[in-house]
PDB file of all heavy atoms in Angstrom:
ATOM      1  N   SER A   1     124.971 100.736  95.626  1.00  0.00           N
ATOM      2  CA  SER A   1     126.143 100.370  94.805  1.00  0.00           C
ATOM      3  C   SER A   1     127.517 100.951  95.369  1.00  0.00           C
ATOM      4  O   SER A   1     128.499 100.534  94.913  1.00  0.00           O
ATOM      5  CB  SER A   1     125.908 101.011  93.366  1.00  0.00           C
ATOM      6  OG  SER A   1     125.860 102.388  93.441  1.00  0.00           O
ATOM      7  N   LEU A   2     127.408 101.787  96.437  1.00  0.00           N
ATOM      8  CA  LEU A   2     128.608 102.348  96.986  1.00  0.00           C
ATOM      9  C   LEU A   2     129.003 101.665  98.288  1.00  0.00           C
ATOM     10  O   LEU A   2     129.877 102.140  98.933  1.00  0.00           O
ATOM     11  CB  LEU A   2     128.410 103.862  97.264  1.00  0.00           C
ATOM     12  CG  LEU A   2     128.233 104.769  95.919  1.00  0.00           C
ATOM     13  CD1 LEU A   2     127.902 106.184  96.438  1.00  0.00           C
ATOM     14  CD2 LEU A   2     129.288 104.658  95.053  1.00  0.00           C
ATOM     15  N   LYS A   3     128.363 100.628  98.640  1.00  0.00           N
ATOM     16  CA  LYS A   3     128.659  99.965  99.930  1.00  0.00           C
ATOM     17  C   LYS A   3     130.203  99.665 100.172  1.00  0.00           C
ATOM     18  O   LYS A   3     130.647  99.967 101.193  1.00  0.00           O
ATOM     19  CB  LYS A   3     127.828  98.643 100.074  1.00  0.00           C
ATOM     20  CG  LYS A   3     126.703  98.737 100.900  1.00  0.00           C
ATOM     21  CD  LYS A   3     126.112  97.325 101.099  1.00  0.00           C
ATOM     22  CE  LYS A   3     124.912  97.393 102.030  1.00  0.00           C
ATOM     23  NZ  LYS A   3     124.266  96.145 102.255  1.00  0.00           N
ATOM     24  N   GLU A   4     130.750  99.183  99.020  1.00  0.00           N
ATOM     25  CA  GLU A   4     132.089  98.873  99.128  1.00  0.00           C
ATOM     26  C   GLU A   4     133.021 100.112  99.298  1.00  0.00           C
ATOM     27  O   GLU A   4     134.074 100.055  99.686  1.00  0.00           O
ATOM     28  CB  GLU A   4     132.604  98.066  97.875  1.00  0.00           C
ATOM     29  CG  GLU A   4     131.830  96.800  97.730  1.00  0.00           C
ATOM     30  CD  GLU A   4     131.933  95.865  98.874  1.00  0.00           C
ATOM     31  OE1 GLU A   4     133.121  95.726  99.487  1.00  0.00           O
ATOM     32  OE2 GLU A   4     130.845  95.269  99.337  1.00  0.00           O
ATOM     33  N   GLU A   5     132.593 101.269  98.727  1.00  0.00           N
ATOM     34  CA  GLU A   5     133.396 102.428  98.721  1.00  0.00           C
ATOM     35  C   GLU A   5     133.069 103.343  99.978  1.00  0.00           C
ATOM     36  O   GLU A   5     133.609 104.464 100.171  1.00  0.00           O
ATOM     37  CB  GLU A   5     133.108 103.335  97.492  1.00  0.00           C
ATOM     38  CG  GLU A   5     133.442 102.490  96.282  1.00  0.00           C
ATOM     39  CD  GLU A   5     132.900 103.248  95.077  1.00  0.00           C
ATOM     40  OE1 GLU A   5     131.760 103.181  94.814  1.00  0.00           O
ATOM     41  OE2 GLU A   5     133.695 103.865  94.350  1.00  0.00           O
ATOM     42  N   LEU A   6     132.302 102.928 100.949  1.00  0.00           N
ATOM     43  CA  LEU A   6     131.957 103.725 102.103  1.00  0.00           C
ATOM     44  C   LEU A   6     133.216 104.039 102.926  1.00  0.00           C
ATOM     45  O   LEU A   6     133.278 105.171 103.610  1.00  0.00           O
ATOM     46  CB  LEU A   6     130.926 103.033 102.981  1.00  0.00           C
ATOM     47  CG  LEU A   6     129.537 103.197 102.426  1.00  0.00           C
ATOM     48  CD1 LEU A   6     128.470 102.422 103.373  1.00  0.00           C
ATOM     49  CD2 LEU A   6     129.104 104.645 102.390  1.00  0.00           C
ATOM     50  N   SER A   7     134.128 103.243 102.852  1.00  0.00           N
ATOM     51  CA  SER A   7     135.492 103.505 103.652  1.00  0.00           C
ATOM     52  C   SER A   7     136.048 104.745 103.077  1.00  0.00           C
ATOM     53  O   SER A   7     136.818 105.466 103.795  1.00  0.00           O
ATOM     54  CB  SER A   7     136.353 102.362 103.650  1.00  0.00           C
ATOM     55  OG  SER A   7     136.675 102.042 102.235  1.00  0.00           O
ATOM     56  N   LEU A   8     135.875 105.082 101.813  1.00  0.00           N
ATOM     57  CA  LEU A   8     136.450 106.193 101.199  1.00  0.00           C
ATOM     58  C   LEU A   8     135.760 107.544 101.675  1.00  0.00           C
ATOM     59  O   LEU A   8     136.321 108.604 101.537  1.00  0.00           O
ATOM     60  CB  LEU A   8     136.396 106.211  99.693  1.00  0.00           C
ATOM     61  CG  LEU A   8     137.160 105.126  99.040  1.00  0.00           C
ATOM     62  CD1 LEU A   8     136.801 104.995  97.479  1.00  0.00           C
ATOM     63  CD2 LEU A   8     138.648 105.087  99.223  1.00  0.00           C
ATOM     64  N   ILE A   9     134.630 107.457 102.124  1.00  0.00           N
ATOM     65  CA  ILE A   9     133.823 108.674 102.472  1.00  0.00           C
ATOM     66  C   ILE A   9     134.354 109.227 103.782  1.00  0.00           C
ATOM     67  O   ILE A   9     134.541 110.426 103.918  1.00  0.00           O
ATOM     68  CB  ILE A   9     132.363 108.247 102.668  1.00  0.00           C
ATOM     69  CG1 ILE A   9     131.703 107.882 101.276  1.00  0.00           C
ATOM     70  CG2 ILE A   9     131.612 109.414 103.344  1.00  0.00           C
ATOM     71  CD1 ILE A   9     130.381 107.475 101.211  1.00  0.00           C
ATOM     72  N   ASN A  10     134.832 108.463 104.715  1.00  0.00           N
ATOM     73  CA  ASN A  10     135.482 108.926 105.888  1.00  0.00           C
ATOM     74  C   ASN A  10     134.872 110.019 106.660  1.00  0.00           C
ATOM     75  O   ASN A  10     135.429 111.171 106.804  1.00  0.00           O
ATOM     76  CB  ASN A  10     136.969 109.291 105.476  1.00  0.00           C
ATOM     77  CG  ASN A  10     137.844 109.535 106.769  1.00  0.00           C
ATOM     78  OD1 ASN A  10     137.489 109.071 107.818  1.00  0.00           O
ATOM     79  ND2 ASN A  10     138.894 110.243 106.526  1.00  0.00           N
ATOM     80  N   MET A  11     133.622 109.843 107.122  1.00  0.00           N
ATOM     81  CA  MET A  11     132.826 110.789 108.005  1.00  0.00           C
ATOM     82  C   MET A  11     132.329 110.054 109.133  1.00  0.00           C
ATOM     83  O   MET A  11     131.220 109.571 109.174  1.00  0.00           O
ATOM     84  CB  MET A  11     131.670 111.356 107.186  1.00  0.00           C
ATOM     85  CG  MET A  11     132.116 112.514 106.325  1.00  0.00           C
ATOM     86  SD  MET A  11     130.687 113.421 105.722  1.00  0.00           S
ATOM     87  CE  MET A  11     130.647 112.927 104.030  1.00  0.00           C
ATOM     88  N   PRO A  12     133.157 109.866 110.143  1.00  0.00           N
ATOM     89  CA  PRO A  12     132.701 109.021 111.337  1.00  0.00           C
ATOM     90  C   PRO A  12     131.618 109.586 112.060  1.00  0.00           C
ATOM     91  O   PRO A  12     130.954 108.835 112.748  1.00  0.00           O
ATOM     92  CB  PRO A  12     134.135 108.919 112.208  1.00  0.00           C
ATOM     93  CG  PRO A  12     134.897 110.125 111.796  1.00  0.00           C
ATOM     94  CD  PRO A  12     134.501 110.425 110.348  1.00  0.00           C
ATOM     95  N   ASP A  13     131.351 110.865 112.137  1.00  0.00           N
ATOM     96  CA  ASP A  13     130.237 111.484 112.890  1.00  0.00           C
ATOM     97  C   ASP A  13     128.912 111.491 112.055  1.00  0.00           C
ATOM     98  O   ASP A  13     127.869 111.850 112.671  1.00  0.00           O
ATOM     99  CB  ASP A  13     130.596 112.851 113.224  1.00  0.00           C
ATOM    100  CG  ASP A  13     131.744 112.979 114.147  1.00  0.00           C
ATOM    101  OD1 ASP A  13     131.802 112.079 115.088  1.00  0.00           O
ATOM    102  OD2 ASP A  13     132.620 113.842 114.054  1.00  0.00           O
ATOM    103  N   ALA A  14     128.993 110.985 110.856  1.00  0.00           N
ATOM    104  CA  ALA A  14     127.778 111.039 110.007  1.00  0.00           C
ATOM    105  C   ALA A  14     126.843 109.813 110.296  1.00  0.00           C
ATOM    106  O   ALA A  14     127.351 108.708 110.473  1.00  0.00           O
ATOM    107  CB  ALA A  14     128.062 111.090 108.550  1.00  0.00           C
ATOM    108  N   GLU A  15     125.605 109.950 110.245  1.00  0.00           N
ATOM    109  CA  GLU A  15     124.593 108.943 110.316  1.00  0.00           C
ATOM    110  C   GLU A  15     124.386 108.583 108.846  1.00  0.00           C
ATOM    111  O   GLU A  15     123.996 109.321 108.096  1.00  0.00           O
ATOM    112  CB  GLU A  15     123.347 109.376 110.989  1.00  0.00           C
ATOM    113  CG  GLU A  15     122.346 108.319 111.126  1.00  0.00           C
ATOM    114  CD  GLU A  15     121.020 108.827 111.798  1.00  0.00           C
ATOM    115  OE1 GLU A  15     120.927 110.004 112.293  1.00  0.00           O
ATOM    116  OE2 GLU A  15     120.013 108.006 111.908  1.00  0.00           O
ATOM    117  N   ILE A  16     124.582 107.208 108.493  1.00  0.00           N
ATOM    118  CA  ILE A  16     124.543 106.884 107.105  1.00  0.00           C
ATOM    119  C   ILE A  16     123.364 105.816 106.882  1.00  0.00           C
ATOM    120  O   ILE A  16     123.162 104.921 107.625  1.00  0.00           O
ATOM    121  CB  ILE A  16     125.901 106.109 106.799  1.00  0.00           C
ATOM    122  CG1 ILE A  16     127.023 107.110 106.929  1.00  0.00           C
ATOM    123  CG2 ILE A  16     125.760 105.582 105.201  1.00  0.00           C
ATOM    124  CD1 ILE A  16     128.303 106.461 106.684  1.00  0.00           C
ATOM    125  N   HIS A  17     122.580 106.079 105.798  1.00  0.00           N
ATOM    126  CA  HIS A  17     121.571 105.183 105.377  1.00  0.00           C
ATOM    127  C   HIS A  17     121.842 104.692 103.986  1.00  0.00           C
ATOM    128  O   HIS A  17     122.365 105.593 103.125  1.00  0.00           O
ATOM    129  CB  HIS A  17     120.163 105.843 105.515  1.00  0.00           C
ATOM    130  CG  HIS A  17     119.607 105.760 106.868  1.00  0.00           C
ATOM    131  ND1 HIS A  17     118.259 105.976 107.048  1.00  0.00           N
ATOM    132  CD2 HIS A  17     120.134 105.728 108.056  1.00  0.00           C
ATOM    133  CE1 HIS A  17     118.021 106.007 108.341  1.00  0.00           C
ATOM    134  NE2 HIS A  17     119.142 105.834 108.943  1.00  0.00           N
ATOM    135  N   ILE A  18     121.568 103.530 103.597  1.00  0.00           N
ATOM    136  CA  ILE A  18     121.715 102.910 102.276  1.00  0.00           C
ATOM    137  C   ILE A  18     120.371 102.850 101.688  1.00  0.00           C
ATOM    138  O   ILE A  18     119.454 102.282 102.183  1.00  0.00           O
ATOM    139  CB  ILE A  18     122.335 101.532 102.389  1.00  0.00           C
ATOM    140  CG1 ILE A  18     123.645 101.613 103.209  1.00  0.00           C
ATOM    141  CG2 ILE A  18     122.603 100.991 101.040  1.00  0.00           C
ATOM    142  CD1 ILE A  18     124.833 102.272 102.534  1.00  0.00           C
ATOM    143  N   VAL A  19     120.359 103.138 100.420  1.00  0.00           N
ATOM    144  CA  VAL A  19     119.108 103.090  99.609  1.00  0.00           C
ATOM    145  C   VAL A  19     119.406 102.363  98.362  1.00  0.00           C
ATOM    146  O   VAL A  19     120.511 102.535  97.760  1.00  0.00           O
ATOM    147  CB  VAL A  19     118.426 104.415  99.377  1.00  0.00           C
ATOM    148  CG1 VAL A  19     119.290 105.302  98.528  1.00  0.00           C
ATOM    149  CG2 VAL A  19     117.135 104.383  98.842  1.00  0.00           C
ATOM    150  N   ASP A  20     118.433 101.515  97.832  1.00  0.00           N
ATOM    151  CA  ASP A  20     118.651 100.804  96.605  1.00  0.00           C
ATOM    152  C   ASP A  20     118.772 101.634  95.363  1.00  0.00           C
ATOM    153  O   ASP A  20     119.625 101.586  94.593  1.00  0.00           O
ATOM    154  CB  ASP A  20     117.532  99.748  96.465  1.00  0.00           C
ATOM    155  CG  ASP A  20     117.765  98.636  97.445  1.00  0.00           C
ATOM    156  OD1 ASP A  20     118.823  98.318  97.793  1.00  0.00           O
ATOM    157  OD2 ASP A  20     116.681  98.000  97.765  1.00  0.00           O
ATOM    158  N   LYS A  21     117.792 102.611  95.209  1.00  0.00           N
ATOM    159  CA  LYS A  21     117.841 103.469  93.937  1.00  0.00           C
ATOM    160  C   LYS A  21     117.682 104.850  94.525  1.00  0.00           C
ATOM    161  O   LYS A  21     116.979 105.196  95.337  1.00  0.00           O
ATOM    162  CB  LYS A  21     116.673 103.102  93.166  1.00  0.00           C
ATOM    163  CG  LYS A  21     116.804 101.800  92.378  1.00  0.00           C
ATOM    164  CD  LYS A  21     115.571 101.538  91.487  1.00  0.00           C
ATOM    165  CE  LYS A  21     115.786 100.258  90.817  1.00  0.00           C
ATOM    166  NZ  LYS A  21     114.750  99.894  89.931  1.00  0.00           N
ATOM    167  N   MET A  22     118.586 105.735  93.827  1.00  0.00           N
ATOM    168  CA  MET A  22     118.499 107.196  94.136  1.00  0.00           C
ATOM    169  C   MET A  22     118.561 107.914  92.740  1.00  0.00           C
ATOM    170  O   MET A  22     119.292 107.546  91.927  1.00  0.00           O
ATOM    171  CB  MET A  22     119.684 107.481  95.037  1.00  0.00           C
ATOM    172  CG  MET A  22     119.674 108.884  95.598  1.00  0.00           C
ATOM    173  SD  MET A  22     121.113 109.373  96.596  1.00  0.00           S
ATOM    174  CE  MET A  22     121.446 107.921  97.569  1.00  0.00           C
ATOM    175  N   PHE A  23     117.652 108.901  92.772  1.00  0.00           N
ATOM    176  CA  PHE A  23     117.639 109.765  91.555  1.00  0.00           C
ATOM    177  C   PHE A  23     118.327 111.184  91.872  1.00  0.00           C
ATOM    178  O   PHE A  23     117.662 111.975  92.323  1.00  0.00           O
ATOM    179  CB  PHE A  23     116.261 109.978  90.986  1.00  0.00           C
ATOM    180  CG  PHE A  23     115.646 108.562  90.709  1.00  0.00           C
ATOM    181  CD1 PHE A  23     114.678 108.057  91.661  1.00  0.00           C
ATOM    182  CD2 PHE A  23     115.887 107.921  89.624  1.00  0.00           C
ATOM    183  CE1 PHE A  23     114.100 106.863  91.459  1.00  0.00           C
ATOM    184  CE2 PHE A  23     115.264 106.690  89.378  1.00  0.00           C
ATOM    185  CZ  PHE A  23     114.453 106.198  90.222  1.00  0.00           C
ATOM    186  N   GLY A  24     119.541 111.288  91.598  1.00  0.00           N
ATOM    187  CA  GLY A  24     120.219 112.493  91.785  1.00  0.00           C
ATOM    188  C   GLY A  24     120.816 112.511  93.136  1.00  0.00           C
ATOM    189  O   GLY A  24     120.503 111.838  94.109  1.00  0.00           O
ATOM    190  N   GLY A  25     121.663 113.645  93.311  1.00  0.00           N
ATOM    191  CA  GLY A  25     122.334 113.793  94.666  1.00  0.00           C
ATOM    192  C   GLY A  25     122.483 115.279  94.956  1.00  0.00           C
ATOM    193  O   GLY A  25     122.182 116.087  94.088  1.00  0.00           O
ATOM    194  N   GLY A  26     123.072 115.611  96.160  1.00  0.00           N
ATOM    195  CA  GLY A  26     123.273 116.925  96.378  1.00  0.00           C
ATOM    196  C   GLY A  26     123.430 117.126  97.931  1.00  0.00           C
ATOM    197  O   GLY A  26     123.534 116.101  98.724  1.00  0.00           O
ATOM    198  N   ILE A  27     123.431 118.472  98.303  1.00  0.00           N
ATOM    199  CA  ILE A  27     123.592 118.777  99.762  1.00  0.00           C
ATOM    200  C   ILE A  27     122.452 119.697 100.154  1.00  0.00           C
ATOM    201  O   ILE A  27     122.089 120.667  99.344  1.00  0.00           O
ATOM    202  CB  ILE A  27     124.908 119.515  99.972  1.00  0.00           C
ATOM    203  CG1 ILE A  27     126.097 118.570  99.609  1.00  0.00           C
ATOM    204  CG2 ILE A  27     125.070 119.969 101.388  1.00  0.00           C
ATOM    205  CD1 ILE A  27     127.509 119.256  99.601  1.00  0.00           C
ATOM    206  N   ILE A  28     121.914 119.557 101.391  1.00  0.00           N
ATOM    207  CA  ILE A  28     120.933 120.491 101.928  1.00  0.00           C
ATOM    208  C   ILE A  28     121.482 120.851 103.223  1.00  0.00           C
ATOM    209  O   ILE A  28     121.736 120.067 104.056  1.00  0.00           O
ATOM    210  CB  ILE A  28     119.508 119.773 102.093  1.00  0.00           C
ATOM    211  CG1 ILE A  28     119.079 119.140 100.690  1.00  0.00           C
ATOM    212  CG2 ILE A  28     118.603 120.685 102.651  1.00  0.00           C
ATOM    213  CD1 ILE A  28     117.885 118.204 100.901  1.00  0.00           C
TER     214      ILE A  28
END
């Protein structure tokens, strides 16, 4: 659901994967 907003993330060095459904978020 955030595909259109990925330009706002602005992390060029990050490897990004898209998933259809996600339950919760955070940082590890």
